[in-house]
PDB file of N, CA and C in Angstrom:
ATOM      1  N   MET A   1       0.824  -1.184   0.000  1.00  0.00           N
ATOM      2  CA  MET A   1       0.000   0.000   0.000  1.00  0.00           C
ATOM      3  C   MET A   1       0.870   1.250   0.000  1.00  0.00           C
ATOM      4  N   ARG A   2       1.907   1.223   0.774  1.00  0.00           N
ATOM      5  CA  ARG A   2       2.741   2.403   0.866  1.00  0.00           C
ATOM      6  C   ARG A   2       3.348   2.765  -0.488  1.00  0.00           C
ATOM      7  N   ASP A   3       3.919   1.776  -1.176  1.00  0.00           N
ATOM      8  CA  ASP A   3       4.543   2.046  -2.468  1.00  0.00           C
ATOM      9  C   ASP A   3       3.521   2.390  -3.543  1.00  0.00           C
ATOM     10  N   GLU A   4       2.373   1.747  -3.498  1.00  0.00           N
ATOM     11  CA  GLU A   4       1.393   1.916  -4.565  1.00  0.00           C
ATOM     12  C   GLU A   4       0.455   3.096  -4.373  1.00  0.00           C
ATOM     13  N   LEU A   5       0.281   3.555  -3.193  1.00  0.00           N
ATOM     14  CA  LEU A   5      -0.685   4.634  -2.966  1.00  0.00           C
ATOM     15  C   LEU A   5      -0.090   5.784  -2.165  1.00  0.00           C
ATOM     16  N   LEU A   6       0.413   5.491  -1.006  1.00  0.00           N
ATOM     17  CA  LEU A   6       0.806   6.566  -0.102  1.00  0.00           C
ATOM     18  C   LEU A   6       2.035   7.338  -0.574  1.00  0.00           C
ATOM     19  N   ASN A   7       3.001   6.658  -1.170  1.00  0.00           N
ATOM     20  CA  ASN A   7       4.196   7.353  -1.641  1.00  0.00           C
ATOM     21  C   ASN A   7       3.977   8.086  -2.964  1.00  0.00           C
ATOM     22  N   GLU A   8       2.921   7.745  -3.680  1.00  0.00           N
ATOM     23  CA  GLU A   8       2.697   8.310  -5.006  1.00  0.00           C
ATOM     24  C   GLU A   8       1.592   9.348  -5.063  1.00  0.00           C
ATOM     25  N   THR A   9       0.883   9.558  -3.983  1.00  0.00           N
ATOM     26  CA  THR A   9      -0.285  10.427  -4.006  1.00  0.00           C
ATOM     27  C   THR A   9      -0.138  11.547  -2.992  1.00  0.00           C
ATOM     28  N   LEU A  10      -0.441  12.739  -3.427  1.00  0.00           N
ATOM     29  CA  LEU A  10      -0.452  13.892  -2.540  1.00  0.00           C
ATOM     30  C   LEU A  10      -1.904  14.176  -2.170  1.00  0.00           C
ATOM     31  N   PHE A  11      -2.229  14.017  -0.922  1.00  0.00           N
ATOM     32  CA  PHE A  11      -3.594  14.250  -0.450  1.00  0.00           C
ATOM     33  C   PHE A  11      -3.697  15.660   0.099  1.00  0.00           C
ATOM     34  N   PHE A  12      -4.763  16.352  -0.266  1.00  0.00           N
ATOM     35  CA  PHE A  12      -4.957  17.721   0.194  1.00  0.00           C
ATOM     36  C   PHE A  12      -5.900  17.810   1.381  1.00  0.00           C
ATOM     37  N   THR A  13      -6.738  16.777   1.554  1.00  0.00           N
ATOM     38  CA  THR A  13      -7.654  16.760   2.694  1.00  0.00           C
ATOM     39  C   THR A  13      -7.721  15.349   3.268  1.00  0.00           C
ATOM     40  N   VAL A  14      -8.178  15.256   4.490  1.00  0.00           N
ATOM     41  CA  VAL A  14      -8.371  13.947   5.110  1.00  0.00           C
ATOM     42  C   VAL A  14      -9.464  13.191   4.367  1.00  0.00           C
ATOM     43  N   ARG A  15     -10.487  13.886   3.956  1.00  0.00           N
ATOM     44  CA  ARG A  15     -11.580  13.252   3.213  1.00  0.00           C
ATOM     45  C   ARG A  15     -11.070  12.638   1.913  1.00  0.00           C
ATOM     46  N   GLN A  16     -10.207  13.344   1.203  1.00  0.00           N
ATOM     47  CA  GLN A  16      -9.625  12.822  -0.030  1.00  0.00           C
ATOM     48  C   GLN A  16      -8.774  11.580   0.266  1.00  0.00           C
ATOM     49  N   ALA A  17      -8.007  11.633   1.318  1.00  0.00           N
ATOM     50  CA  ALA A  17      -7.172  10.490   1.696  1.00  0.00           C
ATOM     51  C   ALA A  17      -8.037   9.280   2.038  1.00  0.00           C
ATOM     52  N   CYS A  18      -9.077   9.485   2.813  1.00  0.00           N
ATOM     53  CA  CYS A  18      -9.970   8.385   3.189  1.00  0.00           C
ATOM     54  C   CYS A  18     -10.661   7.784   1.967  1.00  0.00           C
ATOM     55  N   SER A  19     -11.110   8.635   1.077  1.00  0.00           N
ATOM     56  CA  SER A  19     -11.783   8.162  -0.129  1.00  0.00           C
ATOM     57  C   SER A  19     -10.828   7.364  -1.013  1.00  0.00           C
ATOM     58  N   SER A  20      -9.631   7.880  -1.216  1.00  0.00           N
ATOM     59  CA  SER A  20      -8.635   7.183  -2.036  1.00  0.00           C
ATOM     60  C   SER A  20      -8.236   5.859  -1.408  1.00  0.00           C
ATOM     61  N   LEU A  21      -8.052   5.869  -0.120  1.00  0.00           N
ATOM     62  CA  LEU A  21      -7.678   4.646   0.597  1.00  0.00           C
ATOM     63  C   LEU A  21      -8.781   3.599   0.513  1.00  0.00           C
ATOM     64  N   ALA A  22     -10.020   4.014   0.661  1.00  0.00           N
ATOM     65  CA  ALA A  22     -11.143   3.078   0.572  1.00  0.00           C
ATOM     66  C   ALA A  22     -11.228   2.446  -0.816  1.00  0.00           C
ATOM     67  N   ARG A  23     -11.035   3.243  -1.864  1.00  0.00           N
ATOM     68  CA  ARG A  23     -11.051   2.707  -3.231  1.00  0.00           C
ATOM     69  C   ARG A  23      -9.908   1.726  -3.439  1.00  0.00           C
ATOM     70  N   TRP A  24      -8.715   2.082  -2.934  1.00  0.00           N
ATOM     71  CA  TRP A  24      -7.553   1.211  -3.103  1.00  0.00           C
ATOM     72  C   TRP A  24      -7.758  -0.117  -2.372  1.00  0.00           C
ATOM     73  N   VAL A  25      -8.256  -0.065  -1.146  1.00  0.00           N
ATOM     74  CA  VAL A  25      -8.490  -1.282  -0.367  1.00  0.00           C
ATOM     75  C   VAL A  25      -9.530  -2.158  -1.057  1.00  0.00           C
ATOM     76  N   ASP A  26     -10.587  -1.556  -1.565  1.00  0.00           N
ATOM     77  CA  ASP A  26     -11.619  -2.325  -2.263  1.00  0.00           C
ATOM     78  C   ASP A  26     -11.030  -3.011  -3.498  1.00  0.00           C
ATOM     79  N   ALA A  27     -10.263  -2.280  -4.281  1.00  0.00           N
ATOM     80  CA  ALA A  27      -9.638  -2.869  -5.470  1.00  0.00           C
ATOM     81  C   ALA A  27      -8.656  -3.968  -5.066  1.00  0.00           C
ATOM     82  N   TYR A  28      -7.874  -3.729  -4.038  1.00  0.00           N
ATOM     83  CA  TYR A  28      -6.903  -4.721  -3.574  1.00  0.00           C
ATOM     84  C   TYR A  28      -7.605  -6.004  -3.131  1.00  0.00           C
ATOM     85  N   ASN A  29      -8.715  -5.865  -2.442  1.00  0.00           N
ATOM     86  CA  ASN A  29      -9.415  -7.026  -1.902  1.00  0.00           C
ATOM     87  C   ASN A  29     -10.299  -7.748  -2.910  1.00  0.00           C
ATOM     88  N   THR A  30     -10.582  -7.136  -4.057  1.00  0.00           N
ATOM     89  CA  THR A  30     -11.476  -7.774  -5.022  1.00  0.00           C
ATOM     90  C   THR A  30     -10.848  -8.011  -6.388  1.00  0.00           C
ATOM     91  N   GLU A  31      -9.894  -7.186  -6.801  1.00  0.00           N
ATOM     92  CA  GLU A  31      -9.414  -7.224  -8.178  1.00  0.00           C
ATOM     93  C   GLU A  31      -7.999  -7.765  -8.357  1.00  0.00           C
ATOM     94  N   ARG A  32      -7.227  -7.915  -7.306  1.00  0.00           N
ATOM     95  CA  ARG A  32      -5.843  -8.374  -7.438  1.00  0.00           C
ATOM     96  C   ARG A  32      -5.758  -9.890  -7.326  1.00  0.00           C
ATOM     97  N   PRO A  33      -5.109 -10.525  -8.283  1.00  0.00           N
ATOM     98  CA  PRO A  33      -4.954 -11.986  -8.219  1.00  0.00           C
ATOM     99  C   PRO A  33      -4.169 -12.403  -6.977  1.00  0.00           C
ATOM    100  N   ARG A  34      -4.537 -13.555  -6.428  1.00  0.00           N
ATOM    101  CA  ARG A  34      -3.876 -14.090  -5.243  1.00  0.00           C
ATOM    102  C   ARG A  34      -3.310 -15.467  -5.567  1.00  0.00           C
ATOM    103  N   SER A  35      -2.062 -15.694  -5.199  1.00  0.00           N
ATOM    104  CA  SER A  35      -1.442 -16.991  -5.460  1.00  0.00           C
ATOM    105  C   SER A  35      -2.168 -18.106  -4.716  1.00  0.00           C
ATOM    106  N   LEU A  36      -2.655 -17.824  -3.529  1.00  0.00           N
ATOM    107  CA  LEU A  36      -3.371 -18.814  -2.739  1.00  0.00           C
ATOM    108  C   LEU A  36      -4.647 -19.292  -3.441  1.00  0.00           C
ATOM    109  N   LEU A  37      -5.199 -18.448  -4.288  1.00  0.00           N
ATOM    110  CA  LEU A  37      -6.441 -18.776  -4.998  1.00  0.00           C
ATOM    111  C   LEU A  37      -6.161 -19.232  -6.429  1.00  0.00           C
ATOM    112  N   GLY A  38      -4.950 -19.685  -6.675  1.00  0.00           N
ATOM    113  CA  GLY A  38      -4.581 -20.106  -8.023  1.00  0.00           C
ATOM    114  C   GLY A  38      -4.469 -18.930  -8.975  1.00  0.00           C
ATOM    115  N   TYR A  39      -4.047 -17.807  -8.461  1.00  0.00           N
ATOM    116  CA  TYR A  39      -3.879 -16.567  -9.203  1.00  0.00           C
ATOM    117  C   TYR A  39      -5.185 -16.038  -9.785  1.00  0.00           C
ATOM    118  N   ALA A  40      -6.283 -16.392  -9.141  1.00  0.00           N
ATOM    119  CA  ALA A  40      -7.574 -15.800  -9.478  1.00  0.00           C
ATOM    120  C   ALA A  40      -7.790 -14.599  -8.569  1.00  0.00           C
ATOM    121  N   THR A  41      -8.654 -13.712  -8.990  1.00  0.00           N
ATOM    122  CA  THR A  41      -9.017 -12.602  -8.117  1.00  0.00           C
ATOM    123  C   THR A  41      -9.989 -13.129  -7.066  1.00  0.00           C
ATOM    124  N   PRO A  42     -10.050 -12.498  -5.908  1.00  0.00           N
ATOM    125  CA  PRO A  42     -11.016 -12.945  -4.901  1.00  0.00           C
ATOM    126  C   PRO A  42     -12.452 -12.945  -5.429  1.00  0.00           C
ATOM    127  N   ALA A  43     -12.804 -11.952  -6.230  1.00  0.00           N
ATOM    128  CA  ALA A  43     -14.163 -11.895  -6.771  1.00  0.00           C
ATOM    129  C   ALA A  43     -14.424 -13.076  -7.700  1.00  0.00           C
ATOM    130  N   ALA A  44     -13.494 -13.386  -8.591  1.00  0.00           N
ATOM    131  CA  ALA A  44     -13.666 -14.518  -9.506  1.00  0.00           C
ATOM    132  C   ALA A  44     -13.675 -15.835  -8.740  1.00  0.00           C
ATOM    133  N   PHE A  45     -12.816 -15.959  -7.741  1.00  0.00           N
ATOM    134  CA  PHE A  45     -12.771 -17.175  -6.937  1.00  0.00           C
ATOM    135  C   PHE A  45     -14.089 -17.374  -6.202  1.00  0.00           C
ATOM    136  N   SER A  46     -14.639 -16.310  -5.679  1.00  0.00           N
ATOM    137  CA  SER A  46     -15.907 -16.384  -4.962  1.00  0.00           C
ATOM    138  C   SER A  46     -17.026 -16.864  -5.882  1.00  0.00           C
ATOM    139  N   ILE A  47     -17.064 -16.350  -7.088  1.00  0.00           N
ATOM    140  CA  ILE A  47     -18.080 -16.778  -8.057  1.00  0.00           C
ATOM    141  C   ILE A  47     -17.898 -18.258  -8.390  1.00  0.00           C
ATOM    142  N   GLU A  48     -16.660 -18.653  -8.655  1.00  0.00           N
ATOM    143  CA  GLU A  48     -16.361 -20.046  -8.981  1.00  0.00           C
ATOM    144  C   GLU A  48     -16.703 -20.967  -7.807  1.00  0.00           C
ATOM    145  N   LEU A  49     -16.371 -20.559  -6.608  1.00  0.00           N
ATOM    146  CA  LEU A  49     -16.672 -21.351  -5.422  1.00  0.00           C
ATOM    147  C   LEU A  49     -18.184 -21.498  -5.252  1.00  0.00           C
ATOM    148  N   GLY A  50     -18.905 -20.415  -5.444  1.00  0.00           N
ATOM    149  CA  GLY A  50     -20.367 -20.462  -5.346  1.00  0.00           C
ATOM    150  C   GLY A  50     -20.964 -21.395  -6.374  1.00  0.00           C
ATOM    151  N   THR A  51     -20.405 -21.410  -7.580  1.00  0.00           N
ATOM    152  CA  THR A  51     -20.881 -22.305  -8.631  1.00  0.00           C
ATOM    153  C   THR A  51     -20.683 -23.757  -8.222  1.00  0.00           C
ATOM    154  N   HIS A  52     -19.499 -24.067  -7.689  1.00  0.00           N
ATOM    155  CA  HIS A  52     -19.217 -25.435  -7.259  1.00  0.00           C
ATOM    156  C   HIS A  52     -20.077 -25.832  -6.067  1.00  0.00           C
ATOM    157  N   LEU A  53     -20.268 -24.935  -5.125  1.00  0.00           N
ATOM    158  CA  LEU A  53     -21.080 -25.248  -3.956  1.00  0.00           C
ATOM    159  C   LEU A  53     -22.531 -25.484  -4.348  1.00  0.00           C
ATOM    160  N   CYS A  54     -23.051 -24.656  -5.248  1.00  0.00           N
ATOM    161  CA  CYS A  54     -24.437 -24.813  -5.689  1.00  0.00           C
ATOM    162  C   CYS A  54     -24.607 -26.112  -6.457  1.00  0.00           C
ATOM    163  N   ALA A  55     -23.648 -26.461  -7.285  1.00  0.00           N
ATOM    164  CA  ALA A  55     -23.723 -27.712  -8.046  1.00  0.00           C
ATOM    165  C   ALA A  55     -23.697 -28.903  -7.096  1.00  0.00           C
ATOM    166  N   GLY A  56     -22.853 -28.859  -6.084  1.00  0.00           N
ATOM    167  CA  GLY A  56     -22.791 -29.933  -5.106  1.00  0.00           C
ATOM    168  C   GLY A  56     -24.071 -30.052  -4.302  1.00  0.00           C
ATOM    169  N   HIS A  57     -24.672 -28.909  -3.993  1.00  0.00           N
ATOM    170  CA  HIS A  57     -25.919 -28.901  -3.225  1.00  0.00           C
ATOM    171  C   HIS A  57     -27.048 -29.509  -4.053  1.00  0.00           C
ATOM    172  N   LYS A  58     -27.099 -29.193  -5.340  1.00  0.00           N
ATOM    173  CA  LYS A  58     -28.147 -29.749  -6.210  1.00  0.00           C
ATOM    174  C   LYS A  58     -27.997 -31.257  -6.327  1.00  0.00           C
ATOM    175  N   LYS A  59     -26.754 -31.759  -6.432  1.00  0.00           N
ATOM    176  CA  LYS A  59     -26.532 -33.200  -6.523  1.00  0.00           C
ATOM    177  C   LYS A  59     -26.958 -33.891  -5.239  1.00  0.00           C
ATOM    178  N   ALA A  60     -26.682 -33.289  -4.102  1.00  0.00           N
ATOM    179  CA  ALA A  60     -27.049 -33.883  -2.826  1.00  0.00           C
ATOM    180  C   ALA A  60     -28.562 -33.892  -2.644  1.00  0.00           C
ATOM    181  N   ALA A  61     -29.235 -32.875  -3.129  1.00  0.00           N
ATOM    182  CA  ALA A  61     -30.681 -32.787  -2.994  1.00  0.00           C
ATOM    183  C   ALA A  61     -31.396 -33.740  -3.949  1.00  0.00           C
ATOM    184  N   ASN A  62     -30.754 -34.052  -5.082  1.00  0.00           N
ATOM    185  CA  ASN A  62     -31.353 -34.928  -6.084  1.00  0.00           C
ATOM    186  C   ASN A  62     -30.329 -35.980  -6.486  1.00  0.00           C
ATOM    187  N   PRO A  63     -30.115 -37.020  -5.678  1.00  0.00           N
ATOM    188  CA  PRO A  63     -29.049 -37.974  -5.945  1.00  0.00           C
ATOM    189  C   PRO A  63     -29.226 -38.778  -7.227  1.00  0.00           C
ATOM    190  N   THR A  64     -30.436 -38.858  -7.779  1.00  0.00           N
ATOM    191  CA  THR A  64     -30.650 -39.617  -9.011  1.00  0.00           C
ATOM    192  C   THR A  64     -30.442 -38.789 -10.256  1.00  0.00           C
ATOM    193  N   GLY A  65     -30.374 -37.449 -10.121  1.00  0.00           N
ATOM    194  CA  GLY A  65     -30.312 -36.646 -11.334  1.00  0.00           C
ATOM    195  C   GLY A  65     -29.144 -35.810 -11.362  1.00  0.00           C
TER     196      GLY A  65
END
């Protein structure tokens, strides 16, 4: 965060700093690939996980189909 935001940005108000920081944290937590997730973004991993969980739930609810 320091190298990517704080060292490169001049903030004129606390409100501007808070807004910029909130946007950066949101992007970091949703848009940056993570090695732990197979280099998927958290948002993409969450969608994929939900797809697998829903498919597993449907199979368990209907074992013949």
